[in-house]
Amino acid sequence: DSEMKEAIVLKIAILAEKYAEDLRWYVDSMVQVISLAGDYVSDDIWHRVVQIVTNHQELQEYAAGKLFDVVQSKRAHETAVCLAGYILGEFGFLIAEQPGHSGEEQFNAVHQHFKNISAKARSLLLSTYIKLANNFPEILPLVNPVFSKYSTSTNIELQQRAIEYLALPAIGADAMEEILKEMPAYAENRESHLEQRLKPHEGADVRS
C-alpha cells in the first residue's frame, strides 16, 4: 500500500546516503528513485538531496547537468521538476558554457512542465526563474511575461512571488545580486532528519 511504499522509499534514501562511496552515485540513485517512485517521495527526501549537493561544491556541476537532462523529458515527475528547479536556480550557471545548456535552454527545459504541476511546485519554479534571470539577464524577456501573468493569480502565494520578482530588477543589479546570491551550506546535524523520520516506521513494524 501507499504507506509501505513511502517507507521503502525513505529507507532507500537513507541507505543510498549512508553507504555511498561516490556522491555522484548517490545523486544518480536518488534521481532514479524519484523518477520511478515520485508519488511516494516526500519533500524531506528531495530536500535532503538539495542539502547534500549544496554542501559539496565538487558535486554541484554534475548534479546540475544530471537534472537538466531529467527535465528535458516531457514525462519528468513533478518531484524531479522541483529538485531540478532548485538545483538549476542555484547552480545552473556552472553548466551554461556546455553546448545546449544555456540559460535560455535551462529555462525552456524547466518551463515546459509549468502548466502540468501543482501551484506549490509552480511557486518554487517562479523562484527558479528569477534566479536564472539573475545569472542570465538575457532571459528576462522570457521570465517577465510569466511573472506578469501570475501577478493577478487567485493563488496568493503565486501572486505575491510574481509581483515581487517582477519588481526586483528595478532595485538595481547590485541589490538584486545580493538578494539572489547562492544559498549557504547547510548545518550538518549529528542525526539525519530522514533517520529521525524512520523511527516511527520502525516502531510500527515492531508493534505489528
N, C-alpha and C. Protein backbone atom coordinates (compact mmCIF):
# COMPACT_ATOMS: atom_id res chain seq x y z
N ASP A 1 0.84 -1.19 0.00
CA ASP A 1 0.00 0.00 0.00
C ASP A 1 0.88 1.25 0.00
N SER A 2 0.24 2.41 -0.06
CA SER A 2 0.99 3.66 -0.20
C SER A 2 1.94 3.90 0.97
N GLU A 3 1.48 3.62 2.19
CA GLU A 3 2.33 3.86 3.37
C GLU A 3 3.58 2.99 3.33
N MET A 4 3.42 1.75 2.89
CA MET A 4 4.58 0.86 2.80
C MET A 4 5.55 1.35 1.72
N LYS A 5 5.02 1.81 0.60
CA LYS A 5 5.88 2.31 -0.47
C LYS A 5 6.66 3.54 -0.01
N GLU A 6 6.00 4.42 0.74
CA GLU A 6 6.67 5.61 1.26
C GLU A 6 7.79 5.22 2.22
N ALA A 7 7.53 4.20 3.05
CA ALA A 7 8.55 3.74 4.00
C ALA A 7 9.74 3.13 3.26
N ILE A 8 9.47 2.39 2.19
CA ILE A 8 10.55 1.78 1.41
C ILE A 8 11.41 2.85 0.74
N VAL A 9 10.75 3.86 0.17
CA VAL A 9 11.50 4.96 -0.47
C VAL A 9 12.36 5.67 0.57
N LEU A 10 11.81 5.91 1.75
CA LEU A 10 12.56 6.56 2.82
C LEU A 10 13.80 5.75 3.18
N LYS A 11 13.66 4.44 3.31
CA LYS A 11 14.79 3.59 3.67
C LYS A 11 15.84 3.56 2.56
N ILE A 12 15.39 3.55 1.30
CA ILE A 12 16.33 3.60 0.18
C ILE A 12 17.15 4.88 0.23
N ALA A 13 16.46 6.00 0.50
CA ALA A 13 17.15 7.30 0.55
C ALA A 13 18.21 7.31 1.65
N ILE A 14 17.87 6.74 2.81
CA ILE A 14 18.82 6.70 3.93
C ILE A 14 20.02 5.82 3.59
N LEU A 15 19.76 4.65 3.03
CA LEU A 15 20.84 3.71 2.70
C LEU A 15 21.73 4.26 1.58
N ALA A 16 21.11 4.91 0.59
CA ALA A 16 21.89 5.48 -0.51
C ALA A 16 22.87 6.52 0.01
N GLU A 17 22.41 7.34 0.96
CA GLU A 17 23.30 8.35 1.53
C GLU A 17 24.36 7.73 2.44
N LYS A 18 23.94 6.77 3.25
CA LYS A 18 24.83 6.21 4.27
C LYS A 18 25.97 5.41 3.66
N TYR A 19 25.70 4.70 2.57
CA TYR A 19 26.70 3.77 2.03
C TYR A 19 27.28 4.22 0.69
N ALA A 20 26.98 5.44 0.27
CA ALA A 20 27.53 5.93 -1.00
C ALA A 20 29.02 6.19 -0.86
N GLU A 21 29.82 5.50 -1.66
CA GLU A 21 31.25 5.77 -1.69
C GLU A 21 31.57 6.90 -2.67
N ASP A 22 30.62 7.19 -3.55
CA ASP A 22 30.77 8.24 -4.56
C ASP A 22 29.46 9.04 -4.57
N LEU A 23 29.54 10.34 -4.30
CA LEU A 23 28.33 11.15 -4.22
C LEU A 23 27.63 11.29 -5.57
N ARG A 24 28.37 11.12 -6.65
CA ARG A 24 27.70 11.11 -7.95
C ARG A 24 26.76 9.91 -8.04
N TRP A 25 27.21 8.79 -7.51
CA TRP A 25 26.35 7.60 -7.47
C TRP A 25 25.11 7.88 -6.63
N TYR A 26 25.28 8.60 -5.53
CA TYR A 26 24.14 8.96 -4.68
C TYR A 26 23.14 9.80 -5.48
N VAL A 27 23.60 10.82 -6.20
CA VAL A 27 22.71 11.65 -7.00
C VAL A 27 22.01 10.80 -8.06
N ASP A 28 22.77 9.96 -8.76
CA ASP A 28 22.17 9.09 -9.78
C ASP A 28 21.08 8.21 -9.17
N SER A 29 21.38 7.64 -8.00
CA SER A 29 20.43 6.74 -7.35
C SER A 29 19.16 7.46 -6.95
N MET A 30 19.30 8.65 -6.38
CA MET A 30 18.12 9.40 -5.92
C MET A 30 17.29 9.91 -7.10
N VAL A 31 17.95 10.28 -8.18
CA VAL A 31 17.21 10.69 -9.38
C VAL A 31 16.42 9.51 -9.92
N GLN A 32 17.01 8.33 -9.88
CA GLN A 32 16.31 7.13 -10.35
C GLN A 32 15.11 6.82 -9.45
N VAL A 33 15.30 6.94 -8.14
CA VAL A 33 14.20 6.71 -7.20
C VAL A 33 13.06 7.69 -7.46
N ILE A 34 13.40 8.96 -7.63
CA ILE A 34 12.38 9.98 -7.87
C ILE A 34 11.66 9.73 -9.19
N SER A 35 12.39 9.30 -10.19
CA SER A 35 11.78 9.04 -11.50
C SER A 35 10.83 7.85 -11.46
N LEU A 36 11.18 6.84 -10.68
CA LEU A 36 10.37 5.62 -10.63
C LEU A 36 9.25 5.68 -9.60
N ALA A 37 9.47 6.41 -8.52
CA ALA A 37 8.52 6.39 -7.39
C ALA A 37 8.22 7.80 -6.90
N GLY A 38 8.13 8.74 -7.82
CA GLY A 38 7.97 10.13 -7.43
C GLY A 38 6.78 10.42 -6.54
N ASP A 39 5.68 9.69 -6.73
CA ASP A 39 4.48 9.92 -5.91
C ASP A 39 4.71 9.58 -4.45
N TYR A 40 5.73 8.81 -4.16
CA TYR A 40 5.99 8.35 -2.79
C TYR A 40 7.25 8.98 -2.19
N VAL A 41 7.77 9.99 -2.88
CA VAL A 41 8.97 10.70 -2.41
C VAL A 41 8.51 11.97 -1.69
N SER A 42 8.71 12.02 -0.39
CA SER A 42 8.29 13.18 0.39
C SER A 42 9.23 14.36 0.13
N ASP A 43 8.77 15.56 0.49
CA ASP A 43 9.61 16.75 0.34
C ASP A 43 10.92 16.61 1.12
N ASP A 44 10.87 15.97 2.28
CA ASP A 44 12.08 15.80 3.09
C ASP A 44 13.18 15.09 2.32
N ILE A 45 12.79 14.15 1.47
CA ILE A 45 13.78 13.35 0.75
C ILE A 45 14.46 14.17 -0.33
N TRP A 46 13.69 14.88 -1.14
CA TRP A 46 14.38 15.66 -2.19
C TRP A 46 15.07 16.89 -1.59
N HIS A 47 14.55 17.41 -0.47
CA HIS A 47 15.26 18.49 0.22
C HIS A 47 16.63 18.01 0.70
N ARG A 48 16.71 16.75 1.12
CA ARG A 48 17.99 16.21 1.58
C ARG A 48 18.99 16.14 0.42
N VAL A 49 18.52 15.81 -0.77
CA VAL A 49 19.40 15.82 -1.94
C VAL A 49 19.94 17.23 -2.17
N VAL A 50 19.07 18.22 -2.05
CA VAL A 50 19.49 19.62 -2.19
C VAL A 50 20.58 19.95 -1.17
N GLN A 51 20.39 19.54 0.07
CA GLN A 51 21.37 19.83 1.12
C GLN A 51 22.73 19.23 0.80
N ILE A 52 22.72 17.98 0.36
CA ILE A 52 23.99 17.30 0.08
C ILE A 52 24.70 17.96 -1.11
N VAL A 53 23.97 18.30 -2.15
CA VAL A 53 24.57 18.96 -3.30
C VAL A 53 25.11 20.34 -2.89
N THR A 54 24.34 21.08 -2.12
CA THR A 54 24.77 22.41 -1.69
C THR A 54 26.03 22.35 -0.84
N ASN A 55 26.15 21.32 -0.02
CA ASN A 55 27.29 21.20 0.89
C ASN A 55 28.53 20.59 0.26
N HIS A 56 28.45 20.16 -1.00
CA HIS A 56 29.60 19.54 -1.67
C HIS A 56 29.82 20.24 -3.01
N GLN A 57 30.70 21.21 -3.00
CA GLN A 57 30.93 22.03 -4.19
C GLN A 57 31.32 21.20 -5.40
N GLU A 58 32.08 20.13 -5.16
CA GLU A 58 32.53 19.30 -6.27
C GLU A 58 31.39 18.55 -6.94
N LEU A 59 30.22 18.52 -6.31
CA LEU A 59 29.07 17.78 -6.83
C LEU A 59 28.11 18.67 -7.60
N GLN A 60 28.23 19.97 -7.47
CA GLN A 60 27.20 20.89 -7.95
C GLN A 60 27.06 20.90 -9.47
N GLU A 61 28.16 20.95 -10.18
CA GLU A 61 28.10 20.95 -11.64
C GLU A 61 27.50 19.66 -12.16
N TYR A 62 27.92 18.53 -11.56
CA TYR A 62 27.40 17.23 -12.00
C TYR A 62 25.90 17.15 -11.77
N ALA A 63 25.45 17.56 -10.58
CA ALA A 63 24.02 17.49 -10.26
C ALA A 63 23.21 18.39 -11.19
N ALA A 64 23.73 19.57 -11.49
CA ALA A 64 23.03 20.48 -12.40
C ALA A 64 22.86 19.85 -13.78
N GLY A 65 23.93 19.25 -14.29
CA GLY A 65 23.87 18.59 -15.59
C GLY A 65 22.91 17.41 -15.59
N LYS A 66 22.96 16.63 -14.53
CA LYS A 66 22.10 15.45 -14.43
C LYS A 66 20.62 15.86 -14.42
N LEU A 67 20.29 16.86 -13.63
CA LEU A 67 18.89 17.25 -13.51
C LEU A 67 18.40 18.04 -14.71
N PHE A 68 19.30 18.74 -15.40
CA PHE A 68 18.93 19.36 -16.67
C PHE A 68 18.50 18.28 -17.65
N ASP A 69 19.25 17.18 -17.71
CA ASP A 69 18.89 16.07 -18.59
C ASP A 69 17.52 15.50 -18.22
N VAL A 70 17.24 15.41 -16.92
CA VAL A 70 15.97 14.84 -16.45
C VAL A 70 14.79 15.68 -16.92
N VAL A 71 14.88 17.01 -16.74
CA VAL A 71 13.72 17.84 -17.07
C VAL A 71 13.57 18.12 -18.56
N GLN A 72 14.54 17.71 -19.36
CA GLN A 72 14.35 17.80 -20.80
C GLN A 72 13.27 16.83 -21.27
N SER A 73 13.05 15.78 -20.51
CA SER A 73 11.99 14.82 -20.84
C SER A 73 10.62 15.41 -20.48
N LYS A 74 9.66 15.30 -21.37
CA LYS A 74 8.31 15.80 -21.12
C LYS A 74 7.63 15.02 -20.01
N ARG A 75 8.14 13.84 -19.68
CA ARG A 75 7.50 12.97 -18.70
C ARG A 75 8.13 13.06 -17.31
N ALA A 76 8.97 14.05 -17.09
CA ALA A 76 9.62 14.19 -15.77
C ALA A 76 8.55 14.34 -14.69
N HIS A 77 8.75 13.63 -13.59
CA HIS A 77 7.80 13.70 -12.47
C HIS A 77 7.88 15.06 -11.80
N GLU A 78 6.78 15.51 -11.21
CA GLU A 78 6.76 16.82 -10.55
C GLU A 78 7.85 16.95 -9.50
N THR A 79 8.12 15.90 -8.74
CA THR A 79 9.16 15.96 -7.73
C THR A 79 10.53 16.18 -8.37
N ALA A 80 10.77 15.54 -9.50
CA ALA A 80 12.03 15.75 -10.23
C ALA A 80 12.10 17.17 -10.76
N VAL A 81 10.98 17.72 -11.19
CA VAL A 81 10.94 19.11 -11.68
C VAL A 81 11.29 20.07 -10.54
N CYS A 82 10.75 19.81 -9.35
CA CYS A 82 11.05 20.67 -8.20
C CYS A 82 12.54 20.61 -7.86
N LEU A 83 13.09 19.40 -7.81
CA LEU A 83 14.51 19.24 -7.50
C LEU A 83 15.37 19.92 -8.56
N ALA A 84 15.03 19.70 -9.82
CA ALA A 84 15.80 20.32 -10.90
C ALA A 84 15.68 21.83 -10.86
N GLY A 85 14.48 22.33 -10.57
CA GLY A 85 14.28 23.76 -10.49
C GLY A 85 15.18 24.40 -9.44
N TYR A 86 15.23 23.77 -8.28
CA TYR A 86 16.08 24.31 -7.21
C TYR A 86 17.56 24.25 -7.61
N ILE A 87 18.01 23.10 -8.08
CA ILE A 87 19.43 22.92 -8.39
C ILE A 87 19.86 23.83 -9.54
N LEU A 88 19.05 23.93 -10.58
CA LEU A 88 19.43 24.79 -11.71
C LEU A 88 19.38 26.26 -11.32
N GLY A 89 18.43 26.65 -10.47
CA GLY A 89 18.40 28.03 -10.00
C GLY A 89 19.65 28.41 -9.25
N GLU A 90 20.18 27.46 -8.48
CA GLU A 90 21.38 27.72 -7.68
C GLU A 90 22.68 27.49 -8.46
N PHE A 91 22.71 26.44 -9.27
CA PHE A 91 23.99 26.01 -9.85
C PHE A 91 23.97 25.86 -11.37
N GLY A 92 22.89 26.28 -12.01
CA GLY A 92 22.80 26.14 -13.46
C GLY A 92 23.89 26.89 -14.21
N PHE A 93 24.39 27.96 -13.60
CA PHE A 93 25.46 28.74 -14.26
C PHE A 93 26.72 27.90 -14.47
N LEU A 94 26.89 26.84 -13.69
CA LEU A 94 28.09 26.01 -13.80
C LEU A 94 28.11 25.18 -15.08
N ILE A 95 26.95 24.97 -15.69
CA ILE A 95 26.90 24.16 -16.92
C ILE A 95 26.56 25.00 -18.15
N ALA A 96 26.40 26.30 -17.97
CA ALA A 96 25.89 27.15 -19.05
C ALA A 96 26.82 27.23 -20.25
N GLU A 97 28.11 26.97 -20.05
CA GLU A 97 29.06 27.03 -21.17
C GLU A 97 29.04 25.76 -22.01
N GLN A 98 28.39 24.74 -21.53
CA GLN A 98 28.32 23.50 -22.30
C GLN A 98 27.32 23.66 -23.44
N PRO A 99 27.59 23.07 -24.59
CA PRO A 99 26.65 23.19 -25.73
C PRO A 99 25.26 22.69 -25.34
N GLY A 100 24.24 23.47 -25.64
CA GLY A 100 22.87 23.07 -25.37
C GLY A 100 22.42 23.29 -23.94
N HIS A 101 23.22 24.00 -23.13
CA HIS A 101 22.91 24.18 -21.71
C HIS A 101 22.83 25.66 -21.31
N SER A 102 22.52 26.53 -22.25
CA SER A 102 22.47 27.96 -21.96
C SER A 102 21.35 28.27 -20.97
N GLY A 103 21.37 29.49 -20.47
CA GLY A 103 20.32 29.90 -19.54
C GLY A 103 18.94 29.77 -20.17
N GLU A 104 18.82 30.16 -21.43
CA GLU A 104 17.53 30.05 -22.13
C GLU A 104 17.10 28.60 -22.24
N GLU A 105 18.04 27.72 -22.55
CA GLU A 105 17.70 26.30 -22.69
C GLU A 105 17.35 25.67 -21.34
N GLN A 106 18.00 26.13 -20.29
CA GLN A 106 17.62 25.66 -18.96
C GLN A 106 16.20 26.11 -18.61
N PHE A 107 15.90 27.39 -18.88
CA PHE A 107 14.56 27.89 -18.62
C PHE A 107 13.52 27.09 -19.42
N ASN A 108 13.77 26.88 -20.70
CA ASN A 108 12.81 26.16 -21.54
C ASN A 108 12.59 24.73 -21.07
N ALA A 109 13.67 24.08 -20.63
CA ALA A 109 13.55 22.69 -20.18
C ALA A 109 12.66 22.59 -18.94
N VAL A 110 12.83 23.53 -18.02
CA VAL A 110 12.02 23.53 -16.80
C VAL A 110 10.60 24.01 -17.08
N HIS A 111 10.48 25.08 -17.85
CA HIS A 111 9.17 25.74 -18.02
C HIS A 111 8.18 24.89 -18.80
N GLN A 112 8.64 23.94 -19.60
CA GLN A 112 7.71 23.10 -20.33
C GLN A 112 6.79 22.30 -19.41
N HIS A 113 7.20 22.16 -18.13
CA HIS A 113 6.40 21.40 -17.16
C HIS A 113 5.45 22.29 -16.36
N PHE A 114 5.56 23.60 -16.51
CA PHE A 114 4.89 24.53 -15.62
C PHE A 114 3.37 24.34 -15.60
N LYS A 115 2.78 24.13 -16.74
CA LYS A 115 1.32 24.05 -16.83
C LYS A 115 0.77 22.74 -16.26
N ASN A 116 1.65 21.76 -16.03
CA ASN A 116 1.19 20.43 -15.60
C ASN A 116 1.47 20.13 -14.13
N ILE A 117 1.98 21.09 -13.38
CA ILE A 117 2.35 20.82 -11.99
C ILE A 117 1.48 21.61 -11.03
N SER A 118 1.58 21.29 -9.76
CA SER A 118 0.75 21.91 -8.73
C SER A 118 1.15 23.37 -8.50
N ALA A 119 0.25 24.11 -7.83
CA ALA A 119 0.55 25.51 -7.50
C ALA A 119 1.77 25.62 -6.61
N LYS A 120 1.94 24.66 -5.70
CA LYS A 120 3.11 24.66 -4.82
C LYS A 120 4.40 24.54 -5.63
N ALA A 121 4.40 23.65 -6.61
CA ALA A 121 5.59 23.47 -7.44
C ALA A 121 5.81 24.69 -8.34
N ARG A 122 4.74 25.28 -8.82
CA ARG A 122 4.86 26.49 -9.64
C ARG A 122 5.51 27.62 -8.84
N SER A 123 5.13 27.74 -7.58
CA SER A 123 5.73 28.78 -6.74
C SER A 123 7.23 28.60 -6.66
N LEU A 124 7.67 27.35 -6.52
CA LEU A 124 9.12 27.09 -6.48
C LEU A 124 9.77 27.48 -7.80
N LEU A 125 9.10 27.17 -8.92
CA LEU A 125 9.71 27.48 -10.21
C LEU A 125 9.78 28.97 -10.47
N LEU A 126 8.86 29.74 -9.93
CA LEU A 126 8.99 31.20 -10.07
C LEU A 126 10.31 31.68 -9.45
N SER A 127 10.67 31.06 -8.32
CA SER A 127 11.96 31.39 -7.69
C SER A 127 13.11 30.95 -8.57
N THR A 128 12.96 29.79 -9.21
CA THR A 128 13.98 29.32 -10.15
C THR A 128 14.17 30.34 -11.27
N TYR A 129 13.07 30.86 -11.79
CA TYR A 129 13.15 31.76 -12.94
C TYR A 129 13.87 33.06 -12.59
N ILE A 130 13.60 33.61 -11.42
CA ILE A 130 14.28 34.86 -11.07
C ILE A 130 15.75 34.61 -10.79
N LYS A 131 16.06 33.43 -10.25
CA LYS A 131 17.48 33.08 -10.04
C LYS A 131 18.19 32.93 -11.40
N LEU A 132 17.53 32.26 -12.34
CA LEU A 132 18.12 32.11 -13.67
C LEU A 132 18.30 33.48 -14.34
N ALA A 133 17.28 34.34 -14.20
CA ALA A 133 17.37 35.67 -14.80
C ALA A 133 18.48 36.50 -14.18
N ASN A 134 18.77 36.27 -12.92
CA ASN A 134 19.87 36.98 -12.27
C ASN A 134 21.21 36.53 -12.85
N ASN A 135 21.33 35.25 -13.14
CA ASN A 135 22.57 34.72 -13.71
C ASN A 135 22.65 34.94 -15.22
N PHE A 136 21.49 34.99 -15.88
CA PHE A 136 21.43 35.13 -17.33
C PHE A 136 20.44 36.26 -17.67
N PRO A 137 20.86 37.51 -17.58
CA PRO A 137 19.94 38.64 -17.79
C PRO A 137 19.24 38.60 -19.15
N GLU A 138 19.84 37.91 -20.11
CA GLU A 138 19.23 37.87 -21.45
C GLU A 138 17.90 37.13 -21.47
N ILE A 139 17.58 36.36 -20.41
CA ILE A 139 16.30 35.64 -20.42
C ILE A 139 15.18 36.40 -19.71
N LEU A 140 15.45 37.62 -19.25
CA LEU A 140 14.39 38.42 -18.63
C LEU A 140 13.16 38.57 -19.53
N PRO A 141 13.33 38.74 -20.84
CA PRO A 141 12.14 38.81 -21.70
C PRO A 141 11.32 37.52 -21.71
N LEU A 142 11.92 36.42 -21.30
CA LEU A 142 11.19 35.16 -21.23
C LEU A 142 10.47 35.00 -19.89
N VAL A 143 11.12 35.42 -18.80
CA VAL A 143 10.53 35.18 -17.48
C VAL A 143 9.54 36.27 -17.07
N ASN A 144 9.75 37.49 -17.54
CA ASN A 144 8.84 38.58 -17.14
C ASN A 144 7.39 38.34 -17.55
N PRO A 145 7.11 37.80 -18.74
CA PRO A 145 5.71 37.51 -19.07
C PRO A 145 5.07 36.49 -18.12
N VAL A 146 5.87 35.56 -17.61
CA VAL A 146 5.35 34.59 -16.64
C VAL A 146 4.99 35.30 -15.34
N PHE A 147 5.89 36.16 -14.88
CA PHE A 147 5.61 36.93 -13.66
C PHE A 147 4.38 37.83 -13.85
N SER A 148 4.27 38.46 -15.01
CA SER A 148 3.13 39.33 -15.28
C SER A 148 1.82 38.55 -15.24
N LYS A 149 1.82 37.39 -15.85
CA LYS A 149 0.61 36.57 -15.89
C LYS A 149 0.16 36.18 -14.50
N TYR A 150 1.10 35.77 -13.65
CA TYR A 150 0.73 35.26 -12.32
C TYR A 150 0.67 36.35 -11.26
N SER A 151 0.95 37.59 -11.64
CA SER A 151 0.80 38.70 -10.69
C SER A 151 -0.66 38.97 -10.36
N THR A 152 -1.58 38.40 -11.14
CA THR A 152 -3.01 38.52 -10.86
C THR A 152 -3.64 37.16 -10.54
N SER A 153 -2.80 36.19 -10.21
CA SER A 153 -3.31 34.85 -9.89
C SER A 153 -4.20 34.87 -8.66
N THR A 154 -5.20 34.00 -8.63
CA THR A 154 -6.05 33.87 -7.44
C THR A 154 -5.33 33.13 -6.32
N ASN A 155 -4.21 32.47 -6.65
CA ASN A 155 -3.40 31.81 -5.63
C ASN A 155 -2.46 32.87 -5.03
N ILE A 156 -2.64 33.15 -3.75
CA ILE A 156 -1.91 34.25 -3.11
C ILE A 156 -0.40 34.05 -3.13
N GLU A 157 0.06 32.82 -2.92
CA GLU A 157 1.50 32.56 -2.93
C GLU A 157 2.09 32.86 -4.31
N LEU A 158 1.43 32.38 -5.35
CA LEU A 158 1.90 32.65 -6.71
C LEU A 158 1.87 34.14 -7.01
N GLN A 159 0.77 34.78 -6.62
CA GLN A 159 0.62 36.21 -6.89
C GLN A 159 1.72 37.03 -6.22
N GLN A 160 1.97 36.74 -4.94
CA GLN A 160 2.97 37.52 -4.20
C GLN A 160 4.36 37.35 -4.79
N ARG A 161 4.73 36.11 -5.07
CA ARG A 161 6.05 35.88 -5.65
C ARG A 161 6.18 36.58 -7.01
N ALA A 162 5.16 36.44 -7.83
CA ALA A 162 5.22 37.03 -9.18
C ALA A 162 5.38 38.55 -9.11
N ILE A 163 4.62 39.19 -8.23
CA ILE A 163 4.70 40.65 -8.10
C ILE A 163 6.08 41.07 -7.61
N GLU A 164 6.60 40.37 -6.60
CA GLU A 164 7.91 40.71 -6.05
C GLU A 164 9.01 40.51 -7.07
N TYR A 165 8.97 39.39 -7.80
CA TYR A 165 10.02 39.10 -8.76
C TYR A 165 9.94 40.03 -9.97
N LEU A 166 8.74 40.44 -10.33
CA LEU A 166 8.58 41.37 -11.44
C LEU A 166 9.20 42.72 -11.11
N ALA A 167 9.11 43.11 -9.82
CA ALA A 167 9.63 44.41 -9.39
C ALA A 167 11.12 44.37 -9.05
N LEU A 168 11.66 43.20 -8.82
CA LEU A 168 13.01 43.08 -8.30
C LEU A 168 14.09 43.74 -9.16
N PRO A 169 14.09 43.57 -10.49
CA PRO A 169 15.17 44.19 -11.28
C PRO A 169 15.23 45.70 -11.14
N ALA A 170 14.13 46.34 -10.77
CA ALA A 170 14.11 47.81 -10.68
C ALA A 170 14.93 48.33 -9.50
N ILE A 171 15.27 47.48 -8.54
CA ILE A 171 16.02 47.95 -7.37
C ILE A 171 17.52 48.08 -7.66
N GLY A 172 17.94 47.57 -8.81
CA GLY A 172 19.35 47.68 -9.18
C GLY A 172 20.05 46.34 -9.19
N ALA A 173 21.05 46.21 -10.05
CA ALA A 173 21.75 44.94 -10.25
C ALA A 173 22.47 44.48 -8.99
N ASP A 174 23.12 45.41 -8.27
CA ASP A 174 23.88 45.03 -7.08
C ASP A 174 22.97 44.49 -5.98
N ALA A 175 21.85 45.18 -5.76
CA ALA A 175 20.90 44.74 -4.74
C ALA A 175 20.28 43.41 -5.13
N MET A 176 19.95 43.25 -6.40
CA MET A 176 19.38 42.00 -6.88
C MET A 176 20.36 40.85 -6.71
N GLU A 177 21.62 41.12 -7.00
CA GLU A 177 22.66 40.11 -6.84
C GLU A 177 22.78 39.67 -5.38
N GLU A 178 22.69 40.62 -4.46
CA GLU A 178 22.79 40.30 -3.04
C GLU A 178 21.60 39.48 -2.57
N ILE A 179 20.42 39.84 -3.00
CA ILE A 179 19.20 39.13 -2.59
C ILE A 179 19.18 37.70 -3.12
N LEU A 180 19.67 37.53 -4.34
CA LEU A 180 19.55 36.23 -5.03
C LEU A 180 20.85 35.43 -5.04
N LYS A 181 21.80 35.79 -4.20
CA LYS A 181 23.06 35.05 -4.18
C LYS A 181 22.82 33.61 -3.74
N GLU A 182 23.81 32.76 -4.02
CA GLU A 182 23.68 31.33 -3.72
C GLU A 182 23.39 31.10 -2.24
N MET A 183 22.61 30.04 -2.00
CA MET A 183 22.31 29.67 -0.62
C MET A 183 23.58 29.16 0.06
N PRO A 184 23.79 29.49 1.34
CA PRO A 184 24.97 29.00 2.05
C PRO A 184 24.84 27.51 2.35
N ALA A 185 25.94 26.91 2.74
CA ALA A 185 25.93 25.49 3.11
C ALA A 185 25.02 25.27 4.32
N TYR A 186 24.41 24.10 4.36
CA TYR A 186 23.52 23.75 5.47
C TYR A 186 24.34 23.21 6.64
N ALA A 187 23.84 23.42 7.84
CA ALA A 187 24.46 22.82 9.02
C ALA A 187 24.27 21.32 8.98
N GLU A 188 25.32 20.59 9.28
CA GLU A 188 25.25 19.14 9.29
C GLU A 188 24.86 18.67 10.68
N ASN A 189 23.66 18.10 10.79
CA ASN A 189 23.20 17.58 12.08
C ASN A 189 23.84 16.23 12.37
N ARG A 190 23.94 15.92 13.65
CA ARG A 190 24.54 14.63 14.02
C ARG A 190 23.71 13.46 13.50
N GLU A 191 22.39 13.64 13.52
CA GLU A 191 21.50 12.57 13.05
C GLU A 191 20.69 13.11 11.88
N SER A 192 20.67 12.35 10.79
CA SER A 192 19.91 12.75 9.62
C SER A 192 18.44 12.89 9.96
N HIS A 193 17.82 13.94 9.43
CA HIS A 193 16.39 14.14 9.62
C HIS A 193 15.61 12.97 9.05
N LEU A 194 16.12 12.36 7.98
CA LEU A 194 15.44 11.21 7.39
C LEU A 194 15.47 10.03 8.34
N GLU A 195 16.59 9.86 9.06
CA GLU A 195 16.67 8.77 10.03
C GLU A 195 15.71 9.00 11.19
N GLN A 196 15.53 10.26 11.58
CA GLN A 196 14.55 10.57 12.62
C GLN A 196 13.15 10.20 12.16
N ARG A 197 12.86 10.44 10.89
CA ARG A 197 11.54 10.10 10.34
C ARG A 197 11.31 8.61 10.29
N LEU A 198 12.41 7.84 10.15
CA LEU A 198 12.28 6.39 10.02
C LEU A 198 11.83 5.74 11.32
N LYS A 199 12.13 6.35 12.46
CA LYS A 199 11.84 5.73 13.75
C LYS A 199 10.38 5.36 13.95
N PRO A 200 9.42 6.25 13.61
CA PRO A 200 8.02 5.84 13.76
C PRO A 200 7.66 4.62 12.92
N HIS A 201 8.26 4.53 11.71
CA HIS A 201 8.02 3.37 10.86
C HIS A 201 8.56 2.10 11.51
N GLU A 202 9.74 2.21 12.10
CA GLU A 202 10.33 1.05 12.76
C GLU A 202 9.50 0.63 13.95
N GLY A 203 8.99 1.61 14.69
CA GLY A 203 8.12 1.29 15.83
C GLY A 203 6.87 0.58 15.40
N ALA A 204 6.31 1.02 14.24
CA ALA A 204 5.11 0.40 13.74
C ALA A 204 5.39 -1.04 13.32
N ASP A 205 6.59 -1.28 12.74
CA ASP A 205 6.95 -2.63 12.34
C ASP A 205 7.02 -3.55 13.55
N VAL A 206 7.58 -3.06 14.66
CA VAL A 206 7.72 -3.87 15.87
C VAL A 206 6.34 -4.21 16.44
N ARG A 207 5.44 -3.19 16.49
CA ARG A 207 4.11 -3.41 17.05
C ARG A 207 3.29 -4.38 16.22
N SER A 208 3.55 -4.36 14.91
CA SER A 208 2.79 -5.27 14.06
C SER A 208 3.30 -6.70 14.17
